[in-house]
Amino acid sequence: MTATADLVKARAPKVYSKELIEVLFSRPYCKIRFLEQAGIAKRQTASDYLRELEEIGVLQGIKKGREMYYKT
């Protein structure tokens, strides 16, 4: 978790927050709704955050039906 937090701080500082990292590690996968429920971001911003984390290699996106799931 600490290594991931350091990577996000270095490569995506605008996305980084302690709460975001905690949400990523609280379940085996993450989706937009989890960030919304945690009060981290609204739907579009949460989507942007997860896509950016995927781009820097922190998450891997998997599309199931209409929903995107992200795993670490």
N, C-alpha and C. Protein backbone atom coordinates (compact mmCIF):
# COMPACT_ATOMS: atom_id res chain seq x y z
N MET A 1 0.83 -1.19 0.00
CA MET A 1 0.00 0.00 0.00
C MET A 1 0.87 1.25 0.00
N THR A 2 1.94 1.24 0.78
CA THR A 2 2.84 2.39 0.84
C THR A 2 3.54 2.60 -0.50
N ALA A 3 3.96 1.51 -1.13
CA ALA A 3 4.64 1.62 -2.42
C ALA A 3 3.69 2.20 -3.47
N THR A 4 2.44 1.77 -3.45
CA THR A 4 1.45 2.29 -4.39
C THR A 4 1.19 3.77 -4.14
N ALA A 5 1.07 4.14 -2.88
CA ALA A 5 0.86 5.55 -2.54
C ALA A 5 2.02 6.40 -3.04
N ASP A 6 3.25 5.93 -2.86
CA ASP A 6 4.42 6.67 -3.33
C ASP A 6 4.42 6.79 -4.84
N LEU A 7 4.05 5.72 -5.55
CA LEU A 7 4.00 5.74 -7.01
C LEU A 7 2.96 6.74 -7.50
N VAL A 8 1.78 6.73 -6.89
CA VAL A 8 0.73 7.65 -7.30
C VAL A 8 1.14 9.10 -7.01
N LYS A 9 1.75 9.34 -5.86
CA LYS A 9 2.24 10.70 -5.54
C LYS A 9 3.23 11.19 -6.59
N ALA A 10 4.10 10.31 -7.03
CA ALA A 10 5.15 10.69 -7.98
C ALA A 10 4.62 10.85 -9.40
N ARG A 11 3.75 9.93 -9.85
CA ARG A 11 3.34 9.92 -11.25
C ARG A 11 1.98 10.55 -11.53
N ALA A 12 1.15 10.69 -10.50
CA ALA A 12 -0.18 11.30 -10.68
C ALA A 12 -0.55 12.10 -9.44
N PRO A 13 0.20 13.15 -9.14
CA PRO A 13 -0.03 13.90 -7.90
C PRO A 13 -1.42 14.54 -7.79
N LYS A 14 -2.04 14.86 -8.92
CA LYS A 14 -3.37 15.47 -8.87
C LYS A 14 -4.44 14.46 -8.45
N VAL A 15 -4.16 13.18 -8.66
CA VAL A 15 -5.10 12.12 -8.33
C VAL A 15 -4.92 11.65 -6.89
N TYR A 16 -3.72 11.75 -6.36
CA TYR A 16 -3.40 11.16 -5.06
C TYR A 16 -4.21 11.74 -3.90
N SER A 17 -4.71 10.83 -3.08
CA SER A 17 -5.24 11.17 -1.76
C SER A 17 -5.15 9.90 -0.92
N LYS A 18 -4.96 10.09 0.36
CA LYS A 18 -4.86 8.94 1.27
C LYS A 18 -6.14 8.11 1.20
N GLU A 19 -7.29 8.78 1.13
CA GLU A 19 -8.57 8.10 1.08
C GLU A 19 -8.71 7.25 -0.17
N LEU A 20 -8.23 7.75 -1.29
CA LEU A 20 -8.29 7.00 -2.55
C LEU A 20 -7.48 5.71 -2.43
N ILE A 21 -6.28 5.79 -1.92
CA ILE A 21 -5.43 4.61 -1.77
C ILE A 21 -6.10 3.60 -0.83
N GLU A 22 -6.71 4.08 0.24
CA GLU A 22 -7.41 3.19 1.17
C GLU A 22 -8.57 2.47 0.50
N VAL A 23 -9.32 3.17 -0.35
CA VAL A 23 -10.43 2.54 -1.07
C VAL A 23 -9.90 1.47 -2.02
N LEU A 24 -8.78 1.75 -2.69
CA LEU A 24 -8.22 0.77 -3.62
C LEU A 24 -7.85 -0.53 -2.92
N PHE A 25 -7.40 -0.44 -1.69
CA PHE A 25 -6.94 -1.62 -0.97
C PHE A 25 -8.00 -2.21 -0.02
N SER A 26 -9.18 -1.64 0.02
CA SER A 26 -10.21 -2.14 0.94
C SER A 26 -10.96 -3.35 0.37
N ARG A 27 -10.91 -3.53 -0.94
CA ARG A 27 -11.58 -4.65 -1.61
C ARG A 27 -10.64 -5.22 -2.68
N PRO A 28 -10.96 -6.42 -3.18
CA PRO A 28 -10.10 -6.99 -4.22
C PRO A 28 -10.20 -6.26 -5.57
N TYR A 29 -11.22 -5.43 -5.74
CA TYR A 29 -11.38 -4.64 -6.96
C TYR A 29 -11.99 -3.30 -6.60
N CYS A 30 -11.98 -2.39 -7.56
CA CYS A 30 -12.54 -1.06 -7.34
C CYS A 30 -13.41 -0.70 -8.54
N LYS A 31 -14.40 0.11 -8.30
CA LYS A 31 -15.20 0.66 -9.39
C LYS A 31 -15.61 2.07 -9.04
N ILE A 32 -16.13 2.78 -10.01
CA ILE A 32 -16.46 4.19 -9.86
C ILE A 32 -17.36 4.42 -8.65
N ARG A 33 -18.35 3.58 -8.49
CA ARG A 33 -19.31 3.75 -7.39
C ARG A 33 -18.63 3.76 -6.02
N PHE A 34 -17.56 2.97 -5.85
CA PHE A 34 -16.87 2.94 -4.56
C PHE A 34 -16.26 4.30 -4.23
N LEU A 35 -15.71 4.99 -5.24
CA LEU A 35 -15.14 6.32 -5.01
C LEU A 35 -16.24 7.33 -4.72
N GLU A 36 -17.37 7.18 -5.39
CA GLU A 36 -18.51 8.07 -5.13
C GLU A 36 -19.02 7.88 -3.69
N GLN A 37 -19.20 6.64 -3.28
CA GLN A 37 -19.72 6.35 -1.95
C GLN A 37 -18.77 6.82 -0.85
N ALA A 38 -17.47 6.80 -1.13
CA ALA A 38 -16.49 7.24 -0.14
C ALA A 38 -16.38 8.77 -0.10
N GLY A 39 -17.08 9.45 -1.01
CA GLY A 39 -17.04 10.91 -1.03
C GLY A 39 -15.76 11.48 -1.61
N ILE A 40 -15.04 10.67 -2.37
CA ILE A 40 -13.77 11.10 -2.95
C ILE A 40 -13.99 11.95 -4.20
N ALA A 41 -14.96 11.54 -5.03
CA ALA A 41 -15.19 12.26 -6.29
C ALA A 41 -16.58 11.92 -6.83
N LYS A 42 -17.07 12.80 -7.69
CA LYS A 42 -18.32 12.53 -8.41
C LYS A 42 -17.99 11.56 -9.55
N ARG A 43 -19.03 11.06 -10.21
CA ARG A 43 -18.89 9.97 -11.18
C ARG A 43 -17.82 10.24 -12.26
N GLN A 44 -17.89 11.35 -12.95
CA GLN A 44 -16.95 11.62 -14.04
C GLN A 44 -15.52 11.74 -13.53
N THR A 45 -15.33 12.44 -12.43
CA THR A 45 -14.00 12.61 -11.85
C THR A 45 -13.46 11.28 -11.36
N ALA A 46 -14.30 10.46 -10.74
CA ALA A 46 -13.88 9.13 -10.28
C ALA A 46 -13.44 8.29 -11.46
N SER A 47 -14.17 8.36 -12.54
CA SER A 47 -13.80 7.63 -13.76
C SER A 47 -12.44 8.08 -14.28
N ASP A 48 -12.23 9.39 -14.29
CA ASP A 48 -10.94 9.94 -14.73
C ASP A 48 -9.80 9.47 -13.83
N TYR A 49 -10.03 9.47 -12.52
CA TYR A 49 -9.01 9.02 -11.57
C TYR A 49 -8.62 7.57 -11.83
N LEU A 50 -9.63 6.71 -11.98
CA LEU A 50 -9.35 5.29 -12.18
C LEU A 50 -8.64 5.05 -13.52
N ARG A 51 -9.05 5.77 -14.55
CA ARG A 51 -8.36 5.63 -15.85
C ARG A 51 -6.91 6.08 -15.75
N GLU A 52 -6.66 7.18 -15.05
CA GLU A 52 -5.30 7.65 -14.90
C GLU A 52 -4.45 6.66 -14.11
N LEU A 53 -5.02 6.07 -13.08
CA LEU A 53 -4.30 5.06 -12.31
C LEU A 53 -4.02 3.82 -13.17
N GLU A 54 -4.92 3.52 -14.08
CA GLU A 54 -4.68 2.42 -15.02
C GLU A 54 -3.53 2.76 -15.97
N GLU A 55 -3.51 3.99 -16.46
CA GLU A 55 -2.45 4.42 -17.38
C GLU A 55 -1.06 4.35 -16.76
N ILE A 56 -0.94 4.65 -15.47
CA ILE A 56 0.38 4.62 -14.84
C ILE A 56 0.73 3.24 -14.29
N GLY A 57 -0.17 2.27 -14.49
CA GLY A 57 0.14 0.90 -14.13
C GLY A 57 -0.24 0.48 -12.72
N VAL A 58 -0.99 1.30 -12.00
CA VAL A 58 -1.40 0.95 -10.65
C VAL A 58 -2.59 -0.02 -10.69
N LEU A 59 -3.50 0.18 -11.64
CA LEU A 59 -4.69 -0.65 -11.76
C LEU A 59 -4.76 -1.30 -13.13
N GLN A 60 -5.54 -2.37 -13.20
CA GLN A 60 -5.83 -3.03 -14.47
C GLN A 60 -7.34 -3.02 -14.65
N GLY A 61 -7.82 -2.44 -15.74
CA GLY A 61 -9.26 -2.33 -15.98
C GLY A 61 -9.80 -3.56 -16.68
N ILE A 62 -10.98 -3.99 -16.25
CA ILE A 62 -11.65 -5.14 -16.85
C ILE A 62 -13.11 -4.74 -17.08
N LYS A 63 -13.57 -4.85 -18.31
CA LYS A 63 -14.95 -4.48 -18.64
C LYS A 63 -15.83 -5.73 -18.56
N LYS A 64 -16.87 -5.64 -17.74
CA LYS A 64 -17.86 -6.72 -17.61
C LYS A 64 -19.22 -6.09 -17.87
N GLY A 65 -19.81 -6.42 -19.01
CA GLY A 65 -21.07 -5.79 -19.38
C GLY A 65 -20.87 -4.32 -19.60
N ARG A 66 -21.62 -3.50 -18.90
CA ARG A 66 -21.48 -2.05 -19.02
C ARG A 66 -20.59 -1.46 -17.94
N GLU A 67 -20.17 -2.28 -16.99
CA GLU A 67 -19.41 -1.82 -15.83
C GLU A 67 -17.92 -2.07 -16.01
N MET A 68 -17.11 -1.11 -15.56
CA MET A 68 -15.66 -1.28 -15.52
C MET A 68 -15.25 -1.61 -14.10
N TYR A 69 -14.41 -2.63 -13.96
CA TYR A 69 -13.84 -3.01 -12.68
C TYR A 69 -12.34 -2.82 -12.77
N TYR A 70 -11.74 -2.37 -11.71
CA TYR A 70 -10.30 -2.15 -11.68
C TYR A 70 -9.70 -2.96 -10.55
N LYS A 71 -8.64 -3.70 -10.86
CA LYS A 71 -7.97 -4.46 -9.81
C LYS A 71 -6.51 -4.03 -9.73
N THR A 72 -5.96 -4.16 -8.54
CA THR A 72 -4.57 -3.76 -8.33
C THR A 72 -3.63 -4.87 -8.71
